[in-house]
C-alpha atoms as a PDB file:
ATOM      1  CA  MET A   1     -27.481 -30.735 -33.654  1.00  0.00           C
ATOM      2  CA  ASP A   2     -29.331 -29.941 -30.543  1.00  0.00           C
ATOM      3  CA  GLY A   3     -27.078 -30.865 -27.309  1.00  0.00           C
ATOM      4  CA  ASP A   4     -24.105 -32.328 -29.988  1.00  0.00           C
ATOM      5  CA  TYR A   5     -21.736 -29.633 -29.107  1.00  0.00           C
ATOM      6  CA  LYS A   6     -18.254 -30.894 -27.441  1.00  0.00           C
ATOM      7  CA  LEU A   7     -15.755 -28.793 -26.307  1.00  0.00           C
ATOM      8  CA  ALA A   8     -12.296 -29.761 -28.732  1.00  0.00           C
ATOM      9  CA  PRO A   9      -8.927 -30.654 -26.751  1.00  0.00           C
ATOM     10  CA  GLN A  10      -7.032 -27.683 -27.312  1.00  0.00           C
ATOM     11  CA  ALA A  11     -10.461 -25.576 -26.148  1.00  0.00           C
ATOM     12  CA  LEU A  12      -9.955 -27.085 -22.894  1.00  0.00           C
ATOM     13  CA  ALA A  13      -6.010 -26.721 -22.689  1.00  0.00           C
ATOM     14  CA  THR A  14      -6.994 -22.593 -23.906  1.00  0.00           C
ATOM     15  CA  LEU A  15      -9.463 -22.934 -20.630  1.00  0.00           C
ATOM     16  CA  HIS A  16      -7.567 -24.095 -18.676  1.00  0.00           C
ATOM     17  CA  GLN A  17      -4.226 -21.729 -19.569  1.00  0.00           C
ATOM     18  CA  TYR A  18      -6.793 -18.747 -19.327  1.00  0.00           C
ATOM     19  CA  ASP A  19      -7.536 -19.593 -15.632  1.00  0.00           C
ATOM     20  CA  LEU A  20      -3.929 -20.256 -14.796  1.00  0.00           C
ATOM     21  CA  GLU A  21      -2.868 -16.591 -15.956  1.00  0.00           C
ATOM     22  CA  GLU A  22      -6.093 -15.182 -14.359  1.00  0.00           C
ATOM     23  CA  ARG A  23      -4.951 -16.773 -11.331  1.00  0.00           C
ATOM     24  CA  ARG A  24      -1.020 -15.644 -11.608  1.00  0.00           C
ATOM     25  CA  PHE A  25      -2.476 -11.923 -12.144  1.00  0.00           C
ATOM     26  CA  SER A  26      -4.976 -12.356  -9.228  1.00  0.00           C
ATOM     27  CA  GLU A  27      -1.878 -13.385  -6.748  1.00  0.00           C
ATOM     28  CA  GLY A  28       0.524 -10.772  -8.247  1.00  0.00           C
ATOM     29  CA  SER A  29      -2.049  -7.718  -7.396  1.00  0.00           C
ATOM     30  CA  LYS A  30      -2.629  -9.175  -3.981  1.00  0.00           C
ATOM     31  CA  GLN A  31       1.163  -9.364  -3.161  1.00  0.00           C
ATOM     32  CA  GLN A  32       1.249  -5.959  -5.118  1.00  0.00           C
ATOM     33  CA  ARG A  33      -1.098  -3.802  -2.615  1.00  0.00           C
ATOM     34  CA  ARG A  34       0.911  -5.723   0.462  1.00  0.00           C
ATOM     35  CA  ILE A  35       4.262  -4.389  -0.681  1.00  0.00           C
ATOM     36  CA  VAL A  36       2.653  -0.933  -1.267  1.00  0.00           C
ATOM     37  CA  LEU A  37       0.959  -1.217   2.319  1.00  0.00           C
ATOM     38  CA  LEU A  38       4.293  -2.715   4.041  1.00  0.00           C
ATOM     39  CA  THR A  39       6.321   0.640   1.836  1.00  0.00           C
ATOM     40  CA  ALA A  40       3.840   3.355   3.095  1.00  0.00           C
ATOM     41  CA  ALA A  41       4.073   2.051   7.372  1.00  0.00           C
ATOM     42  CA  ILE A  42       7.370   1.819   6.979  1.00  0.00           C
ATOM     43  CA  LEU A  43       7.516   5.385   5.337  1.00  0.00           C
ATOM     44  CA  PHE A  44       5.247   6.568   8.411  1.00  0.00           C
ATOM     45  CA  THR A  45       7.654   4.790  11.028  1.00  0.00           C
ATOM     46  CA  GLY A  46      10.548   6.454   9.322  1.00  0.00           C
ATOM     47  CA  PHE A  47       9.136   9.971   9.237  1.00  0.00           C
ATOM     48  CA  VAL A  48       7.780   9.028  13.227  1.00  0.00           C
ATOM     49  CA  GLN A  49      10.960   8.026  14.247  1.00  0.00           C
ATOM     50  CA  ALA A  50      12.501  11.217  12.932  1.00  0.00           C
ATOM     51  CA  ALA A  51      10.351  13.690  14.165  1.00  0.00           C
ATOM     52  CA  ALA A  52      10.833  12.083  17.182  1.00  0.00           C
ATOM     53  CA  THR A  53      14.570  12.642  17.191  1.00  0.00           C
ATOM     54  CA  TYR A  54      14.284  16.005  15.855  1.00  0.00           C
ATOM     55  CA  TRP A  55      11.935  16.966  18.658  1.00  0.00           C
ATOM     56  CA  SER A  56      13.769  15.567  21.130  1.00  0.00           C
ATOM     57  CA  ASN A  57      16.942  17.515  20.051  1.00  0.00           C
ATOM     58  CA  ARG A  58      14.971  20.214  20.120  1.00  0.00           C
ATOM     59  CA  GLY A  59      14.092  20.612  23.732  1.00  0.00           C
ATOM     60  CA  GLY A  60      11.092  17.796  23.706  1.00  0.00           C
ATOM     61  CA  ILE A  61       7.517  18.040  22.205  1.00  0.00           C
ATOM     62  CA  ARG A  62       6.201  21.211  24.092  1.00  0.00           C
ATOM     63  CA  ALA A  63       9.157  23.077  22.437  1.00  0.00           C
ATOM     64  CA  PRO A  64       7.771  23.304  18.679  1.00  0.00           C
ATOM     65  CA  LEU A  65       4.111  23.301  20.362  1.00  0.00           C
ATOM     66  CA  SER A  66       5.380  26.697  21.856  1.00  0.00           C
ATOM     67  CA  ARG A  67       6.798  27.999  19.247  1.00  0.00           C
ATOM     68  CA  LEU A  68       3.312  27.410  17.053  1.00  0.00           C
ATOM     69  CA  GLY A  69       1.413  29.116  20.110  1.00  0.00           C
ATOM     70  CA  ASP A  70       3.277  32.239  19.894  1.00  0.00           C
ATOM     71  CA  TRP A  71       2.977  32.187  16.003  1.00  0.00           C
ATOM     72  CA  LEU A  72      -0.243  31.702  16.227  1.00  0.00           C
ATOM     73  CA  GLN A  73      -0.646  34.870  18.752  1.00  0.00           C
ATOM     74  CA  THR A  74       1.418  36.731  16.562  1.00  0.00           C
ATOM     75  CA  LEU A  75      -1.308  36.371  14.046  1.00  0.00           C
ATOM     76  CA  PHE A  76      -3.968  37.586  16.090  1.00  0.00           C
END
């Protein structure tokens, strides 16, 4: 009985199926992470573009910063 153990054909097929499913899950997780990062990058880019458009229509970047400075001076 020592060393006489052999895998049944169904066991090999089950192990192969498990390995295949694990690989698919891993690849799917990687793809999902990439999609999340891409979405975050697109949102960030859109926010920067919207802010740039807003500031350019309001007199450039110095206008909001000067208003912020004025507001801070009223606090102190």
